[in-house]
C-alpha atoms as a PDB file:
ATOM      1  CA  MET A   1       0.000   0.000   0.000  1.00  0.00           C
ATOM      2  CA  ASN A   2       2.782   2.362   0.900  1.00  0.00           C
ATOM      3  CA  ALA A   3       4.620   1.424  -2.267  1.00  0.00           C
ATOM      4  CA  PHE A   4       1.496   2.168  -4.296  1.00  0.00           C
ATOM      5  CA  ARG A   5       1.115   5.566  -2.702  1.00  0.00           C
ATOM      6  CA  PHE A   6       4.804   6.264  -3.348  1.00  0.00           C
ATOM      7  CA  ARG A   7       4.425   5.448  -7.056  1.00  0.00           C
ATOM      8  CA  ARG A   8       1.330   7.732  -7.313  1.00  0.00           C
ATOM      9  CA  ALA A   9       3.242  10.558  -5.653  1.00  0.00           C
ATOM     10  CA  ALA A  10       6.191  10.072  -8.004  1.00  0.00           C
ATOM     11  CA  VAL A  11       3.913  10.182 -11.053  1.00  0.00           C
ATOM     12  CA  ALA A  12       2.276  13.360  -9.771  1.00  0.00           C
ATOM     13  CA  VAL A  13       5.618  15.015  -9.195  1.00  0.00           C
ATOM     14  CA  ALA A  14       6.811  14.011 -12.665  1.00  0.00           C
ATOM     15  CA  ALA A  15       3.628  15.342 -14.250  1.00  0.00           C
ATOM     16  CA  ALA A  16       3.991  18.596 -12.359  1.00  0.00           C
ATOM     17  CA  ALA A  17       7.543  18.946 -13.595  1.00  0.00           C
ATOM     18  CA  VAL A  18       6.768  18.101 -17.214  1.00  0.00           C
ATOM     19  CA  LEU A  19       3.628  20.258 -17.569  1.00  0.00           C
ATOM     20  CA  PRO A  20       5.349  23.691 -17.327  1.00  0.00           C
ATOM     21  CA  LEU A  21       7.959  22.558 -19.834  1.00  0.00           C
ATOM     22  CA  ALA A  22       5.254  21.493 -22.250  1.00  0.00           C
ATOM     23  CA  LEU A  23       3.389  24.770 -21.826  1.00  0.00           C
ATOM     24  CA  THR A  24       6.605  26.705 -22.367  1.00  0.00           C
ATOM     25  CA  ALA A  25       7.326  24.759 -25.518  1.00  0.00           C
ATOM     26  CA  CYS A  26       3.838  25.449 -26.841  1.00  0.00           C
ATOM     27  CA  GLY A  27       4.175  29.101 -26.018  1.00  0.00           C
ATOM     28  CA  SER A  28       7.520  29.186 -27.775  1.00  0.00           C
ATOM     29  CA  ASP A  29       6.037  27.588 -30.871  1.00  0.00           C
ATOM     30  CA  ASP A  30       3.181  30.076 -30.925  1.00  0.00           C
ATOM     31  CA  THR A  31       5.590  32.963 -30.560  1.00  0.00           C
ATOM     32  CA  SER A  32       7.753  31.622 -33.363  1.00  0.00           C
ATOM     33  CA  SER A  33       4.673  31.115 -35.482  1.00  0.00           C
ATOM     34  CA  ASP A  34       3.488  34.624 -34.732  1.00  0.00           C
ATOM     35  CA  SER A  35       6.933  36.033 -35.547  1.00  0.00           C
ATOM     36  CA  ALA A  36       7.053  34.100 -38.791  1.00  0.00           C
ATOM     37  CA  SER A  37       3.593  35.328 -39.688  1.00  0.00           C
ATOM     38  CA  ALA A  38       4.593  38.901 -38.890  1.00  0.00           C
ATOM     39  CA  ASP A  39       7.756  38.566 -40.947  1.00  0.00           C
ATOM     40  CA  LYS A  40       5.763  37.085 -43.809  1.00  0.00           C
ATOM     41  CA  SER A  41       3.210  39.882 -43.598  1.00  0.00           C
ATOM     42  CA  ALA A  42       5.960  42.469 -43.529  1.00  0.00           C
ATOM     43  CA  SER A  43       7.676  40.946 -46.539  1.00  0.00           C
ATOM     44  CA  SER A  44       4.431  40.739 -48.479  1.00  0.00           C
ATOM     45  CA  ALA A  45       3.316  44.272 -47.591  1.00  0.00           C
ATOM     46  CA  PRO A  46       3.706  46.782 -50.428  1.00  0.00           C
ATOM     47  CA  ALA A  47       6.824  48.882 -50.285  1.00  0.00           C
ATOM     48  CA  ALA A  48       6.448  52.434 -49.067  1.00  0.00           C
ATOM     49  CA  GLU A  49       5.373  54.730 -51.863  1.00  0.00           C
ATOM     50  CA  GLU A  50       8.368  56.309 -53.486  1.00  0.00           C
ATOM     51  CA  SER A  51       8.626  60.050 -53.725  1.00  0.00           C
ATOM     52  CA  SER A  52       7.224  61.551 -56.893  1.00  0.00           C
ATOM     53  CA  PRO A  53       9.770  61.987 -59.674  1.00  0.00           C
ATOM     54  CA  ALA A  54      10.962  65.474 -60.463  1.00  0.00           C
ATOM     55  CA  MET A  55       8.918  67.386 -63.017  1.00  0.00           C
ATOM     56  CA  ASP A  56       9.917  66.572 -66.554  1.00  0.00           C
ATOM     57  CA  GLU A  57      12.013  69.465 -67.814  1.00  0.00           C
ATOM     58  CA  THR A  58      10.474  69.074 -71.246  1.00  0.00           C
ATOM     59  CA  MET A  59       7.022  69.929 -69.937  1.00  0.00           C
ATOM     60  CA  PRO A  60       5.875  73.393 -71.008  1.00  0.00           C
ATOM     61  CA  ALA A  61       5.732  75.926 -68.238  1.00  0.00           C
ATOM     62  CA  ASP A  62       2.387  77.243 -66.952  1.00  0.00           C
ATOM     63  CA  GLY A  63       3.649  80.724 -66.069  1.00  0.00           C
ATOM     64  CA  PRO A  64       6.454  83.026 -67.198  1.00  0.00           C
ATOM     65  CA  PHE A  65       9.731  81.203 -67.818  1.00  0.00           C
ATOM     66  CA  GLY A  66      13.240  81.819 -69.089  1.00  0.00           C
ATOM     67  CA  PRO A  67      16.502  83.367 -67.835  1.00  0.00           C
ATOM     68  CA  ALA A  68      15.532  86.963 -68.606  1.00  0.00           C
ATOM     69  CA  CYS A  69      12.479  86.683 -66.349  1.00  0.00           C
ATOM     70  CA  ALA A  70      14.816  87.145 -63.391  1.00  0.00           C
ATOM     71  CA  SER A  71      15.370  90.783 -64.392  1.00  0.00           C
ATOM     72  CA  VAL A  72      11.652  91.603 -64.346  1.00  0.00           C
ATOM     73  CA  PRO A  73      10.780  93.796 -61.328  1.00  0.00           C
ATOM     74  CA  LYS A  74       9.275  91.867 -58.424  1.00  0.00           C
ATOM     75  CA  ASP A  75       6.511  94.394 -57.853  1.00  0.00           C
ATOM     76  CA  GLY A  76       4.988  97.517 -59.331  1.00  0.00           C
ATOM     77  CA  ALA A  77       3.720  98.214 -62.837  1.00  0.00           C
ATOM     78  CA  GLY A  78       6.705  96.480 -64.460  1.00  0.00           C
ATOM     79  CA  SER A  79       6.248  93.224 -62.530  1.00  0.00           C
ATOM     80  CA  PHE A  80       4.414  90.227 -63.960  1.00  0.00           C
ATOM     81  CA  ASP A  81       1.359  91.072 -61.865  1.00  0.00           C
ATOM     82  CA  GLY A  82       1.517  94.696 -62.975  1.00  0.00           C
ATOM     83  CA  MET A  83       1.924  93.832 -66.657  1.00  0.00           C
ATOM     84  CA  ALA A  84      -1.062  91.501 -66.479  1.00  0.00           C
ATOM     85  CA  LYS A  85      -3.283  94.478 -65.650  1.00  0.00           C
ATOM     86  CA  ASP A  86      -2.242  96.670 -68.590  1.00  0.00           C
ATOM     87  CA  PRO A  87      -2.676  96.307 -72.365  1.00  0.00           C
ATOM     88  CA  VAL A  88       0.476  95.138 -74.098  1.00  0.00           C
ATOM     89  CA  ALA A  89       2.050  98.412 -75.300  1.00  0.00           C
ATOM     90  CA  THR A  90       1.511 100.016 -71.887  1.00  0.00           C
ATOM     91  CA  ALA A  91       2.808  96.905 -70.121  1.00  0.00           C
ATOM     92  CA  ALA A  92       5.947  96.902 -72.278  1.00  0.00           C
ATOM     93  CA  SER A  93       6.601 100.557 -71.456  1.00  0.00           C
ATOM     94  CA  ASN A  94       6.915  99.567 -67.786  1.00  0.00           C
ATOM     95  CA  ASN A  95       9.617  96.978 -68.521  1.00  0.00           C
ATOM     96  CA  PRO A  96      13.104  98.606 -68.668  1.00  0.00           C
ATOM     97  CA  ALA A  97      14.437  95.823 -70.920  1.00  0.00           C
ATOM     98  CA  LEU A  98      11.934  96.756 -73.649  1.00  0.00           C
ATOM     99  CA  SER A  99      12.543 100.512 -73.850  1.00  0.00           C
ATOM    100  CA  THR A 100      13.915 100.411 -77.419  1.00  0.00           C
ATOM    101  CA  LEU A 101      10.903  98.426 -78.587  1.00  0.00           C
ATOM    102  CA  VAL A 102       8.573 100.912 -76.929  1.00  0.00           C
ATOM    103  CA  THR A 103      10.365 103.791 -78.670  1.00  0.00           C
ATOM    104  CA  ALA A 104       9.957 101.998 -82.001  1.00  0.00           C
ATOM    105  CA  VAL A 105       6.269 101.303 -81.374  1.00  0.00           C
ATOM    106  CA  LYS A 106       5.676 104.974 -80.603  1.00  0.00           C
ATOM    107  CA  LYS A 107       7.535 106.115 -83.730  1.00  0.00           C
ATOM    108  CA  ALA A 108       5.452 103.737 -85.840  1.00  0.00           C
ATOM    109  CA  GLY A 109       2.216 105.002 -84.262  1.00  0.00           C
ATOM    110  CA  LEU A 110       1.254 101.483 -83.136  1.00  0.00           C
ATOM    111  CA  VAL A 111       0.554 102.100 -79.444  1.00  0.00           C
ATOM    112  CA  ASP A 112      -3.226 102.287 -79.822  1.00  0.00           C
ATOM    113  CA  THR A 113      -3.274  99.481 -82.383  1.00  0.00           C
ATOM    114  CA  LEU A 114      -1.537  97.103 -79.992  1.00  0.00           C
ATOM    115  CA  ASN A 115      -3.385  98.242 -76.884  1.00  0.00           C
ATOM    116  CA  ASN A 116      -6.799  97.881 -78.535  1.00  0.00           C
ATOM    117  CA  ALA A 117      -6.169  94.504 -80.168  1.00  0.00           C
ATOM    118  CA  GLN A 118      -7.659  91.459 -78.490  1.00  0.00           C
ATOM    119  CA  ASN A 119      -6.058  88.078 -77.793  1.00  0.00           C
ATOM    120  CA  ILE A 120      -2.759  88.576 -79.594  1.00  0.00           C
ATOM    121  CA  THR A 121       0.784  87.280 -79.123  1.00  0.00           C
ATOM    122  CA  VAL A 122       3.714  89.692 -79.237  1.00  0.00           C
ATOM    123  CA  PHE A 123       7.296  88.544 -79.716  1.00  0.00           C
ATOM    124  CA  ALA A 124       9.069  91.430 -78.020  1.00  0.00           C
ATOM    125  CA  PRO A 125      12.769  92.028 -78.791  1.00  0.00           C
ATOM    126  CA  THR A 126      14.890  93.191 -75.875  1.00  0.00           C
ATOM    127  CA  ASN A 127      17.134  96.246 -75.949  1.00  0.00           C
ATOM    128  CA  ASP A 128      20.049  93.850 -76.507  1.00  0.00           C
ATOM    129  CA  ALA A 129      18.243  92.404 -79.517  1.00  0.00           C
ATOM    130  CA  PHE A 130      18.024  95.846 -81.115  1.00  0.00           C
ATOM    131  CA  ALA A 131      21.664  96.465 -80.185  1.00  0.00           C
ATOM    132  CA  LYS A 132      22.663  93.599 -82.509  1.00  0.00           C
ATOM    133  CA  ILE A 133      21.584  95.788 -85.436  1.00  0.00           C
ATOM    134  CA  PRO A 134      24.322  98.237 -86.520  1.00  0.00           C
ATOM    135  CA  LYS A 135      23.435 101.672 -85.215  1.00  0.00           C
ATOM    136  CA  ALA A 136      23.321 103.259 -88.676  1.00  0.00           C
ATOM    137  CA  ASP A 137      20.877 100.603 -89.873  1.00  0.00           C
ATOM    138  CA  LEU A 138      18.735 100.880 -86.756  1.00  0.00           C
ATOM    139  CA  ASP A 139      18.571 104.662 -87.045  1.00  0.00           C
ATOM    140  CA  LYS A 140      17.518 104.271 -90.673  1.00  0.00           C
ATOM    141  CA  VAL A 141      14.729 101.871 -89.725  1.00  0.00           C
ATOM    142  CA  LEU A 142      13.505 104.091 -86.886  1.00  0.00           C
ATOM    143  CA  ALA A 143      13.335 107.021 -89.312  1.00  0.00           C
ATOM    144  CA  ASP A 144      11.314 105.092 -91.896  1.00  0.00           C
ATOM    145  CA  LYS A 145       7.793 104.661 -90.535  1.00  0.00           C
ATOM    146  CA  GLU A 146       6.669 102.270 -93.262  1.00  0.00           C
ATOM    147  CA  MET A 147       9.672 100.001 -92.850  1.00  0.00           C
ATOM    148  CA  LEU A 148       9.418 100.196 -89.073  1.00  0.00           C
ATOM    149  CA  THR A 149       5.728  99.313 -89.132  1.00  0.00           C
ATOM    150  CA  ASN A 150       6.478  96.401 -91.436  1.00  0.00           C
ATOM    151  CA  ILE A 151       9.047  95.004 -89.010  1.00  0.00           C
ATOM    152  CA  LEU A 152       7.064  95.586 -85.829  1.00  0.00           C
ATOM    153  CA  THR A 153       3.817  94.068 -87.097  1.00  0.00           C
ATOM    154  CA  TYR A 154       5.825  90.992 -88.102  1.00  0.00           C
ATOM    155  CA  HIS A 155       6.323  90.409 -84.371  1.00  0.00           C
ATOM    156  CA  VAL A 156       2.574  90.131 -83.723  1.00  0.00           C
ATOM    157  CA  VAL A 157       0.364  87.065 -84.192  1.00  0.00           C
ATOM    158  CA  GLY A 158      -3.411  87.469 -84.122  1.00  0.00           C
ATOM    159  CA  GLU A 159      -4.063  84.863 -81.423  1.00  0.00           C
ATOM    160  CA  LYS A 160      -2.741  84.013 -77.977  1.00  0.00           C
ATOM    161  CA  LEU A 161      -0.160  81.248 -78.289  1.00  0.00           C
ATOM    162  CA  THR A 162       0.603  78.856 -75.446  1.00  0.00           C
ATOM    163  CA  PRO A 163       4.043  77.295 -74.966  1.00  0.00           C
ATOM    164  CA  GLN A 164       2.615  74.026 -76.309  1.00  0.00           C
ATOM    165  CA  GLN A 165       1.679  75.780 -79.543  1.00  0.00           C
ATOM    166  CA  LEU A 166       5.255  76.974 -79.946  1.00  0.00           C
ATOM    167  CA  GLU A 167       6.623  73.429 -80.057  1.00  0.00           C
ATOM    168  CA  ASN A 168       6.279  73.198 -83.820  1.00  0.00           C
ATOM    169  CA  GLY A 169       4.169  75.939 -85.349  1.00  0.00           C
ATOM    170  CA  THR A 170       3.757  78.268 -88.285  1.00  0.00           C
ATOM    171  CA  TYR A 171       1.656  81.379 -87.748  1.00  0.00           C
ATOM    172  CA  PRO A 172       0.556  84.329 -89.892  1.00  0.00           C
ATOM    173  CA  THR A 173       1.542  87.713 -88.498  1.00  0.00           C
ATOM    174  CA  LEU A 174      -0.169  91.084 -88.680  1.00  0.00           C
ATOM    175  CA  GLN A 175       2.420  91.967 -91.311  1.00  0.00           C
ATOM    176  CA  THR A 176       0.823  89.090 -93.363  1.00  0.00           C
ATOM    177  CA  SER A 177       3.862  86.832 -93.802  1.00  0.00           C
ATOM    178  CA  THR A 178       4.441  83.878 -91.466  1.00  0.00           C
ATOM    179  CA  LEU A 179       6.868  83.055 -88.689  1.00  0.00           C
ATOM    180  CA  THR A 180       7.809  79.622 -87.356  1.00  0.00           C
ATOM    181  CA  THR A 181       8.386  78.403 -83.817  1.00  0.00           C
ATOM    182  CA  LYS A 182      10.131  75.321 -82.437  1.00  0.00           C
ATOM    183  CA  GLY A 183      11.143  73.928 -79.063  1.00  0.00           C
ATOM    184  CA  SER A 184       9.880  72.334 -75.869  1.00  0.00           C
ATOM    185  CA  GLY A 185       9.810  72.862 -72.121  1.00  0.00           C
ATOM    186  CA  GLU A 186      11.400  76.248 -71.561  1.00  0.00           C
ATOM    187  CA  ASN A 187      13.499  76.388 -74.726  1.00  0.00           C
ATOM    188  CA  TYR A 188      11.950  77.892 -77.843  1.00  0.00           C
ATOM    189  CA  THR A 189      13.187  79.665 -80.950  1.00  0.00           C
ATOM    190  CA  VAL A 190      11.409  81.796 -83.515  1.00  0.00           C
ATOM    191  CA  ASN A 191      12.493  81.453 -87.159  1.00  0.00           C
ATOM    192  CA  ASP A 192      15.341  79.220 -85.919  1.00  0.00           C
ATOM    193  CA  THR A 193      17.386  82.266 -84.867  1.00  0.00           C
ATOM    194  CA  SER A 194      15.608  84.267 -82.184  1.00  0.00           C
ATOM    195  CA  LYS A 195      15.497  82.654 -78.734  1.00  0.00           C
ATOM    196  CA  VAL A 196      12.692  83.166 -76.242  1.00  0.00           C
ATOM    197  CA  VAL A 197      14.425  84.487 -73.110  1.00  0.00           C
ATOM    198  CA  CYS A 198      11.318  85.202 -71.038  1.00  0.00           C
ATOM    199  CA  GLY A 199       8.145  83.614 -72.278  1.00  0.00           C
ATOM    200  CA  ASN A 200       4.452  83.244 -71.550  1.00  0.00           C
ATOM    201  CA  VAL A 201       4.144  86.684 -69.950  1.00  0.00           C
ATOM    202  CA  PRO A 202       0.493  87.737 -69.641  1.00  0.00           C
ATOM    203  CA  THR A 203      -0.826  91.239 -70.278  1.00  0.00           C
ATOM    204  CA  ALA A 204      -4.425  92.416 -70.295  1.00  0.00           C
ATOM    205  CA  ASN A 205      -4.877  91.661 -73.999  1.00  0.00           C
ATOM    206  CA  ALA A 206      -1.855  89.665 -75.094  1.00  0.00           C
ATOM    207  CA  THR A 207       0.685  86.980 -74.317  1.00  0.00           C
ATOM    208  CA  VAL A 208       4.270  88.196 -74.629  1.00  0.00           C
ATOM    209  CA  TYR A 209       7.373  86.199 -75.500  1.00  0.00           C
ATOM    210  CA  ILE A 210      10.492  88.300 -75.011  1.00  0.00           C
ATOM    211  CA  VAL A 211      13.138  87.361 -77.613  1.00  0.00           C
ATOM    212  CA  ASP A 212      16.854  88.012 -78.026  1.00  0.00           C
ATOM    213  CA  THR A 213      16.900  88.848 -81.760  1.00  0.00           C
ATOM    214  CA  VAL A 214      14.765  91.171 -83.884  1.00  0.00           C
ATOM    215  CA  LEU A 215      12.669  89.229 -86.404  1.00  0.00           C
ATOM    216  CA  MET A 216      12.848  90.281 -90.020  1.00  0.00           C
ATOM    217  CA  PRO A 217       9.852  89.774 -92.362  1.00  0.00           C
ATOM    218  CA  LYS A 218      10.278  87.120 -95.018  1.00  0.00           C
ATOM    219  CA  SER A 219       8.741  89.371 -97.648  1.00  0.00           C
END
């Protein structure tokens, strides 16, 4: 009887010793399983969204663009905001870089014509563009109203042109002959020779593209 009780006690002690080990093992398995599941979930989760790529430089600009835009006054009548409120000839007169053009427009008697026109595009040569013309030749042009008018109206297209339209276009001018445009992004040329240095500038009645070379009519 005593031996029987001893064996029962030994079995109970052994069971008590084994049970915690078994529970620990089960817990360890569950933890491992949970960890594996977590690792699997993490590996299958989509990667963090990458940052957006930089804007394609070939995309046309929405606002004014080009190196010469940096010289435009930041505020006042000659600023982009100021020019947007005035008709094109008046707006140009407030831009110091266009003073020679403004003088030419006045001599040709085209101020009212340009200010009263609706939805036009003006390719506006800078002072440096006029400076490329020998002084004697420029003085001769400025003194000849008919010739001057012929040249100036060649810089005007009878519709507002967006940068996208400049990519590969041919447009009739107010002078009646055509000019051509090519380019993309922020790089455009007119007639393959005159570069747009500050483009897509809004005025009250026109879009202005400031160019670095005076355009000469084809006929």
